[in-house]
Amino acid sequence: MSPASNLRPIVEKLLNGHVGKTVDYITAGISLMTTILFFTSTYLEDQFGWFDTLDFIVLLYYAIEFTIRFWSAPHSINFLIRSSSIIDLICVWPIFFLFSYGPRSFLMKMIKITRVIRVLKVALIANKHYKS
C-alpha cells in the first residue's frame, strides 16, 4: 500500500469529525464575508485592488478544500453528484481559466458571480449542522 492510500481514510475520518465541522464553519464564514464584500464593492471603489486579491485567495481556498474532500471521498462519483459538491465546482471553475488566453476582466466577473453562489454553500452547511 502506498502512503497516500493509508492517509486517505485518516483524512476522511478527520473531515467527518470535529475537524470537518470546523472547516465547514470556516467555509461558511468566508462565504458570508465574500458575499458582503460583493455587495459593498458595488458601492465602494476598490482603489488598491484588494477585492480581487481577496477573491483569488478565497477561490484558492475553495479549490484546495474541494480537492482534499474529493481525494478523501471513498466514492468519488457519489461525492461529485452531491449538491454541495456541485456548488463547489461552480465556485471553483474560474480558477481553471485563470491562465487561459481569455480577457482577464471576464474572469474577474465570473469570480464575482460565484460569490453569490457561495451563499448556497452557507445554506447547505447550516442545513447539515442545524437539522431540527
N, C-alpha and C. Protein backbone atom coordinates (compact mmCIF):
# COMPACT_ATOMS: atom_id res chain seq x y z
N MET A 1 0.83 -1.19 0.00
CA MET A 1 0.00 0.00 0.00
C MET A 1 0.88 1.25 0.00
N SER A 2 0.43 2.21 -0.73
CA SER A 2 1.18 3.46 -0.80
C SER A 2 0.83 4.35 0.40
N PRO A 3 1.70 5.27 0.73
CA PRO A 3 1.40 6.18 1.84
C PRO A 3 0.12 6.99 1.61
N ALA A 4 -0.17 7.32 0.35
CA ALA A 4 -1.38 8.08 0.05
C ALA A 4 -2.63 7.28 0.36
N SER A 5 -2.61 5.97 0.07
CA SER A 5 -3.79 5.15 0.35
C SER A 5 -3.97 4.95 1.86
N ASN A 6 -2.90 5.00 2.63
CA ASN A 6 -3.00 4.92 4.08
C ASN A 6 -3.52 6.23 4.68
N LEU A 7 -3.20 7.32 4.03
CA LEU A 7 -3.58 8.63 4.53
C LEU A 7 -5.05 8.96 4.24
N ARG A 8 -5.57 8.43 3.16
CA ARG A 8 -6.93 8.74 2.74
C ARG A 8 -7.99 8.47 3.81
N PRO A 9 -8.02 7.29 4.44
CA PRO A 9 -9.04 7.06 5.47
C PRO A 9 -8.87 7.97 6.69
N ILE A 10 -7.65 8.34 6.98
CA ILE A 10 -7.40 9.23 8.13
C ILE A 10 -7.98 10.61 7.83
N VAL A 11 -7.72 11.12 6.63
CA VAL A 11 -8.25 12.43 6.25
C VAL A 11 -9.78 12.39 6.20
N GLU A 12 -10.32 11.30 5.66
CA GLU A 12 -11.79 11.16 5.60
C GLU A 12 -12.39 11.18 7.01
N LYS A 13 -11.76 10.47 7.93
CA LYS A 13 -12.25 10.44 9.31
C LYS A 13 -12.18 11.83 9.94
N LEU A 14 -11.11 12.56 9.69
CA LEU A 14 -10.98 13.92 10.22
C LEU A 14 -12.06 14.84 9.64
N LEU A 15 -12.30 14.73 8.33
CA LEU A 15 -13.29 15.60 7.69
C LEU A 15 -14.71 15.26 8.10
N ASN A 16 -14.95 14.05 8.54
CA ASN A 16 -16.28 13.67 9.02
C ASN A 16 -16.47 13.91 10.51
N GLY A 17 -15.43 14.36 11.18
CA GLY A 17 -15.49 14.60 12.62
C GLY A 17 -15.48 16.08 12.94
N HIS A 18 -14.87 16.42 14.07
CA HIS A 18 -14.82 17.81 14.53
C HIS A 18 -14.02 18.72 13.60
N VAL A 19 -12.97 18.18 13.02
CA VAL A 19 -12.16 18.98 12.10
C VAL A 19 -13.00 19.39 10.89
N GLY A 20 -13.77 18.45 10.36
CA GLY A 20 -14.64 18.75 9.22
C GLY A 20 -15.69 19.79 9.56
N LYS A 21 -16.21 19.70 10.78
CA LYS A 21 -17.21 20.69 11.22
C LYS A 21 -16.58 22.08 11.31
N THR A 22 -15.36 22.14 11.83
CA THR A 22 -14.64 23.41 11.91
C THR A 22 -14.36 23.97 10.52
N VAL A 23 -13.95 23.11 9.59
CA VAL A 23 -13.72 23.54 8.22
C VAL A 23 -15.01 24.07 7.60
N ASP A 24 -16.13 23.40 7.89
CA ASP A 24 -17.42 23.87 7.39
C ASP A 24 -17.76 25.26 7.93
N TYR A 25 -17.51 25.49 9.21
CA TYR A 25 -17.79 26.80 9.80
C TYR A 25 -16.88 27.88 9.20
N ILE A 26 -15.62 27.54 8.99
CA ILE A 26 -14.69 28.50 8.36
C ILE A 26 -15.16 28.81 6.94
N THR A 27 -15.57 27.80 6.21
CA THR A 27 -16.06 27.98 4.85
C THR A 27 -17.31 28.85 4.84
N ALA A 28 -18.21 28.60 5.78
CA ALA A 28 -19.43 29.42 5.86
C ALA A 28 -19.08 30.87 6.17
N GLY A 29 -18.15 31.08 7.09
CA GLY A 29 -17.73 32.45 7.42
C GLY A 29 -17.10 33.16 6.24
N ILE A 30 -16.24 32.45 5.53
CA ILE A 30 -15.61 33.04 4.35
C ILE A 30 -16.65 33.35 3.28
N SER A 31 -17.61 32.45 3.11
CA SER A 31 -18.66 32.67 2.11
C SER A 31 -19.50 33.90 2.45
N LEU A 32 -19.86 34.03 3.71
CA LEU A 32 -20.62 35.21 4.12
C LEU A 32 -19.81 36.48 3.95
N MET A 33 -18.53 36.42 4.32
CA MET A 33 -17.67 37.59 4.19
C MET A 33 -17.55 38.02 2.73
N THR A 34 -17.35 37.07 1.82
CA THR A 34 -17.20 37.43 0.41
C THR A 34 -18.51 37.91 -0.20
N THR A 35 -19.63 37.42 0.33
CA THR A 35 -20.93 37.91 -0.16
C THR A 35 -21.14 39.36 0.28
N ILE A 36 -20.81 39.65 1.51
CA ILE A 36 -20.89 41.04 1.99
C ILE A 36 -19.95 41.92 1.20
N LEU A 37 -18.76 41.41 0.92
CA LEU A 37 -17.80 42.13 0.11
C LEU A 37 -18.35 42.41 -1.29
N PHE A 38 -19.06 41.44 -1.85
CA PHE A 38 -19.66 41.62 -3.17
C PHE A 38 -20.63 42.80 -3.17
N PHE A 39 -21.47 42.86 -2.16
CA PHE A 39 -22.45 43.94 -2.11
C PHE A 39 -21.81 45.29 -1.80
N THR A 40 -20.82 45.31 -0.92
CA THR A 40 -20.16 46.58 -0.61
C THR A 40 -19.29 47.06 -1.76
N SER A 41 -18.75 46.13 -2.54
CA SER A 41 -17.90 46.55 -3.66
C SER A 41 -18.69 47.24 -4.76
N THR A 42 -20.00 47.04 -4.77
CA THR A 42 -20.80 47.75 -5.77
C THR A 42 -20.95 49.23 -5.40
N TYR A 43 -20.74 49.55 -4.13
CA TYR A 43 -20.87 50.94 -3.69
C TYR A 43 -19.53 51.61 -3.40
N LEU A 44 -18.52 50.81 -3.13
CA LEU A 44 -17.20 51.35 -2.82
C LEU A 44 -16.25 51.14 -4.00
N GLU A 45 -15.38 52.09 -4.20
CA GLU A 45 -14.38 51.95 -5.25
C GLU A 45 -13.16 51.26 -4.66
N ASP A 46 -12.70 50.23 -5.35
CA ASP A 46 -11.53 49.48 -4.90
C ASP A 46 -10.28 50.12 -5.48
N GLN A 47 -9.72 51.07 -4.73
CA GLN A 47 -8.57 51.82 -5.22
C GLN A 47 -7.29 51.01 -5.23
N PHE A 48 -7.19 50.03 -4.36
CA PHE A 48 -5.94 49.29 -4.22
C PHE A 48 -5.99 47.90 -4.84
N GLY A 49 -7.14 47.46 -5.34
CA GLY A 49 -7.28 46.15 -5.95
C GLY A 49 -7.31 44.99 -4.98
N TRP A 50 -7.59 45.26 -3.71
CA TRP A 50 -7.57 44.18 -2.73
C TRP A 50 -8.82 43.33 -2.79
N PHE A 51 -9.93 43.82 -3.36
CA PHE A 51 -11.12 42.99 -3.52
C PHE A 51 -10.81 41.79 -4.43
N ASP A 52 -10.15 42.06 -5.54
CA ASP A 52 -9.81 40.98 -6.47
C ASP A 52 -8.79 40.03 -5.87
N THR A 53 -7.84 40.55 -5.12
CA THR A 53 -6.84 39.71 -4.47
C THR A 53 -7.51 38.80 -3.44
N LEU A 54 -8.41 39.35 -2.65
CA LEU A 54 -9.13 38.56 -1.66
C LEU A 54 -9.99 37.50 -2.34
N ASP A 55 -10.62 37.86 -3.45
CA ASP A 55 -11.40 36.88 -4.21
C ASP A 55 -10.54 35.72 -4.68
N PHE A 56 -9.35 36.04 -5.16
CA PHE A 56 -8.46 34.99 -5.64
C PHE A 56 -8.03 34.07 -4.50
N ILE A 57 -7.74 34.63 -3.34
CA ILE A 57 -7.34 33.82 -2.18
C ILE A 57 -8.48 32.90 -1.75
N VAL A 58 -9.69 33.44 -1.73
CA VAL A 58 -10.86 32.63 -1.36
C VAL A 58 -11.08 31.53 -2.39
N LEU A 59 -10.90 31.86 -3.64
CA LEU A 59 -11.05 30.87 -4.70
C LEU A 59 -10.03 29.74 -4.54
N LEU A 60 -8.81 30.08 -4.19
CA LEU A 60 -7.79 29.06 -3.92
C LEU A 60 -8.18 28.19 -2.73
N TYR A 61 -8.72 28.82 -1.68
CA TYR A 61 -9.17 28.08 -0.51
C TYR A 61 -10.23 27.06 -0.91
N TYR A 62 -11.22 27.52 -1.69
CA TYR A 62 -12.27 26.61 -2.14
C TYR A 62 -11.71 25.48 -2.99
N ALA A 63 -10.78 25.78 -3.86
CA ALA A 63 -10.19 24.76 -4.73
C ALA A 63 -9.44 23.71 -3.91
N ILE A 64 -8.67 24.17 -2.93
CA ILE A 64 -7.91 23.24 -2.09
C ILE A 64 -8.85 22.39 -1.24
N GLU A 65 -9.86 23.03 -0.65
CA GLU A 65 -10.82 22.29 0.17
C GLU A 65 -11.55 21.24 -0.67
N PHE A 66 -12.00 21.63 -1.85
CA PHE A 66 -12.71 20.69 -2.73
C PHE A 66 -11.80 19.53 -3.13
N THR A 67 -10.56 19.83 -3.46
CA THR A 67 -9.62 18.79 -3.88
C THR A 67 -9.36 17.79 -2.75
N ILE A 68 -9.19 18.29 -1.54
CA ILE A 68 -8.94 17.39 -0.40
C ILE A 68 -10.17 16.54 -0.11
N ARG A 69 -11.35 17.15 -0.14
CA ARG A 69 -12.58 16.37 0.09
C ARG A 69 -12.81 15.34 -1.01
N PHE A 70 -12.56 15.72 -2.25
CA PHE A 70 -12.73 14.78 -3.36
C PHE A 70 -11.73 13.63 -3.25
N TRP A 71 -10.49 13.96 -2.96
CA TRP A 71 -9.45 12.94 -2.84
C TRP A 71 -9.74 11.95 -1.72
N SER A 72 -10.27 12.43 -0.60
CA SER A 72 -10.50 11.56 0.55
C SER A 72 -11.85 10.85 0.52
N ALA A 73 -12.71 11.20 -0.43
CA ALA A 73 -14.03 10.57 -0.50
C ALA A 73 -13.89 9.11 -0.91
N PRO A 74 -14.59 8.22 -0.21
CA PRO A 74 -14.49 6.80 -0.56
C PRO A 74 -15.12 6.48 -1.92
N HIS A 75 -16.15 7.21 -2.28
CA HIS A 75 -16.83 7.01 -3.57
C HIS A 75 -16.85 8.34 -4.31
N SER A 76 -15.90 8.54 -5.20
CA SER A 76 -15.72 9.82 -5.88
C SER A 76 -16.94 10.26 -6.68
N ILE A 77 -17.59 9.33 -7.36
CA ILE A 77 -18.76 9.68 -8.17
C ILE A 77 -19.90 10.15 -7.27
N ASN A 78 -20.14 9.46 -6.18
CA ASN A 78 -21.19 9.89 -5.24
C ASN A 78 -20.87 11.27 -4.67
N PHE A 79 -19.60 11.52 -4.42
CA PHE A 79 -19.19 12.82 -3.91
C PHE A 79 -19.49 13.92 -4.93
N LEU A 80 -19.21 13.66 -6.20
CA LEU A 80 -19.38 14.68 -7.24
C LEU A 80 -20.84 15.02 -7.51
N ILE A 81 -21.77 14.12 -7.26
CA ILE A 81 -23.17 14.40 -7.58
C ILE A 81 -23.94 14.98 -6.40
N ARG A 82 -23.28 15.17 -5.28
CA ARG A 82 -23.95 15.83 -4.15
C ARG A 82 -24.13 17.31 -4.46
N SER A 83 -25.19 17.90 -3.92
CA SER A 83 -25.47 19.31 -4.21
C SER A 83 -24.35 20.23 -3.73
N SER A 84 -23.77 19.94 -2.58
CA SER A 84 -22.68 20.81 -2.08
C SER A 84 -21.45 20.72 -2.98
N SER A 85 -21.19 19.56 -3.55
CA SER A 85 -20.05 19.41 -4.45
C SER A 85 -20.28 20.15 -5.76
N ILE A 86 -21.51 20.12 -6.25
CA ILE A 86 -21.84 20.84 -7.47
C ILE A 86 -21.66 22.34 -7.27
N ILE A 87 -22.11 22.84 -6.12
CA ILE A 87 -21.92 24.26 -5.80
C ILE A 87 -20.43 24.58 -5.71
N ASP A 88 -19.66 23.71 -5.08
CA ASP A 88 -18.21 23.92 -5.00
C ASP A 88 -17.58 23.97 -6.39
N LEU A 89 -17.99 23.06 -7.26
CA LEU A 89 -17.44 23.05 -8.62
C LEU A 89 -17.77 24.34 -9.36
N ILE A 90 -19.00 24.82 -9.21
CA ILE A 90 -19.39 26.08 -9.86
C ILE A 90 -18.55 27.22 -9.33
N CYS A 91 -18.28 27.22 -8.03
CA CYS A 91 -17.49 28.30 -7.42
C CYS A 91 -16.01 28.20 -7.78
N VAL A 92 -15.52 27.01 -8.06
CA VAL A 92 -14.09 26.82 -8.29
C VAL A 92 -13.73 26.87 -9.78
N TRP A 93 -14.67 26.67 -10.66
CA TRP A 93 -14.32 26.56 -12.09
C TRP A 93 -13.56 27.76 -12.65
N PRO A 94 -13.75 29.00 -12.17
CA PRO A 94 -12.96 30.09 -12.77
C PRO A 94 -11.46 29.94 -12.61
N ILE A 95 -11.01 29.22 -11.60
CA ILE A 95 -9.57 29.07 -11.41
C ILE A 95 -8.93 28.28 -12.56
N PHE A 96 -9.71 27.42 -13.20
CA PHE A 96 -9.18 26.65 -14.32
C PHE A 96 -8.94 27.53 -15.55
N PHE A 97 -9.60 28.67 -15.60
CA PHE A 97 -9.44 29.58 -16.73
C PHE A 97 -8.51 30.74 -16.42
N LEU A 98 -7.92 30.73 -15.25
CA LEU A 98 -7.08 31.84 -14.82
C LEU A 98 -5.91 32.09 -15.76
N PHE A 99 -5.32 31.03 -16.25
CA PHE A 99 -4.15 31.17 -17.10
C PHE A 99 -4.48 30.99 -18.58
N SER A 100 -5.76 31.10 -18.90
CA SER A 100 -6.16 30.96 -20.30
C SER A 100 -5.90 32.27 -21.05
N TYR A 101 -6.19 32.25 -22.32
CA TYR A 101 -5.93 33.43 -23.15
C TYR A 101 -7.11 34.39 -23.20
N GLY A 102 -8.20 34.09 -22.48
CA GLY A 102 -9.37 34.96 -22.49
C GLY A 102 -9.11 36.26 -21.75
N PRO A 103 -9.99 37.22 -21.94
CA PRO A 103 -9.81 38.51 -21.25
C PRO A 103 -9.93 38.35 -19.74
N ARG A 104 -9.02 38.96 -19.04
CA ARG A 104 -8.98 38.85 -17.58
C ARG A 104 -10.21 39.49 -16.93
N SER A 105 -10.76 40.52 -17.53
CA SER A 105 -11.93 41.17 -16.94
C SER A 105 -13.12 40.22 -16.92
N PHE A 106 -13.25 39.36 -17.94
CA PHE A 106 -14.33 38.38 -17.96
C PHE A 106 -14.16 37.39 -16.81
N LEU A 107 -12.95 36.94 -16.58
CA LEU A 107 -12.67 36.01 -15.49
C LEU A 107 -13.03 36.64 -14.15
N MET A 108 -12.65 37.88 -13.95
CA MET A 108 -12.96 38.55 -12.68
C MET A 108 -14.46 38.68 -12.49
N LYS A 109 -15.20 38.92 -13.57
CA LYS A 109 -16.66 38.98 -13.45
C LYS A 109 -17.23 37.63 -13.04
N MET A 110 -16.68 36.57 -13.59
CA MET A 110 -17.15 35.23 -13.23
C MET A 110 -16.84 34.92 -11.77
N ILE A 111 -15.68 35.34 -11.32
CA ILE A 111 -15.33 35.11 -9.92
C ILE A 111 -16.29 35.88 -9.02
N LYS A 112 -16.65 37.09 -9.40
CA LYS A 112 -17.57 37.88 -8.60
C LYS A 112 -18.95 37.26 -8.56
N ILE A 113 -19.37 36.65 -9.65
CA ILE A 113 -20.68 35.99 -9.68
C ILE A 113 -20.68 34.79 -8.74
N THR A 114 -19.55 34.09 -8.65
CA THR A 114 -19.52 32.92 -7.77
C THR A 114 -19.64 33.30 -6.30
N ARG A 115 -19.38 34.55 -5.97
CA ARG A 115 -19.56 34.99 -4.58
C ARG A 115 -21.00 34.77 -4.14
N VAL A 116 -21.93 35.11 -5.00
CA VAL A 116 -23.34 34.98 -4.66
C VAL A 116 -23.72 33.50 -4.54
N ILE A 117 -23.14 32.68 -5.41
CA ILE A 117 -23.44 31.25 -5.37
C ILE A 117 -22.94 30.64 -4.05
N ARG A 118 -21.92 31.22 -3.47
CA ARG A 118 -21.38 30.70 -2.21
C ARG A 118 -22.39 30.81 -1.07
N VAL A 119 -23.37 31.69 -1.21
CA VAL A 119 -24.42 31.78 -0.19
C VAL A 119 -25.17 30.45 -0.11
N LEU A 120 -25.33 29.78 -1.24
CA LEU A 120 -25.96 28.47 -1.23
C LEU A 120 -25.15 27.49 -0.38
N LYS A 121 -23.84 27.61 -0.44
CA LYS A 121 -22.98 26.75 0.37
C LYS A 121 -23.23 26.99 1.86
N VAL A 122 -23.41 28.24 2.24
CA VAL A 122 -23.71 28.56 3.64
C VAL A 122 -25.04 27.91 4.04
N ALA A 123 -26.03 28.00 3.16
CA ALA A 123 -27.33 27.40 3.46
C ALA A 123 -27.21 25.88 3.61
N LEU A 124 -26.42 25.25 2.77
CA LEU A 124 -26.23 23.80 2.89
C LEU A 124 -25.49 23.42 4.16
N ILE A 125 -24.50 24.21 4.54
CA ILE A 125 -23.77 23.94 5.79
C ILE A 125 -24.70 24.11 6.98
N ALA A 126 -25.49 25.17 6.96
CA ALA A 126 -26.44 25.39 8.06
C ALA A 126 -27.45 24.24 8.15
N ASN A 127 -27.92 23.78 7.01
CA ASN A 127 -28.87 22.67 6.98
C ASN A 127 -28.23 21.39 7.50
N LYS A 128 -26.97 21.19 7.17
CA LYS A 128 -26.24 19.98 7.57
C LYS A 128 -26.01 19.93 9.08
N HIS A 129 -25.67 21.08 9.68
CA HIS A 129 -25.30 21.08 11.09
C HIS A 129 -26.44 21.46 12.03
N TYR A 130 -27.49 22.03 11.52
CA TYR A 130 -28.57 22.51 12.40
C TYR A 130 -29.92 21.92 12.01
N LYS A 131 -29.96 20.64 11.70
CA LYS A 131 -31.23 19.98 11.39
C LYS A 131 -32.05 19.90 12.67
N SER A 132 -33.37 20.14 12.51
CA SER A 132 -34.21 20.07 13.72
C SER A 132 -34.72 18.69 13.96
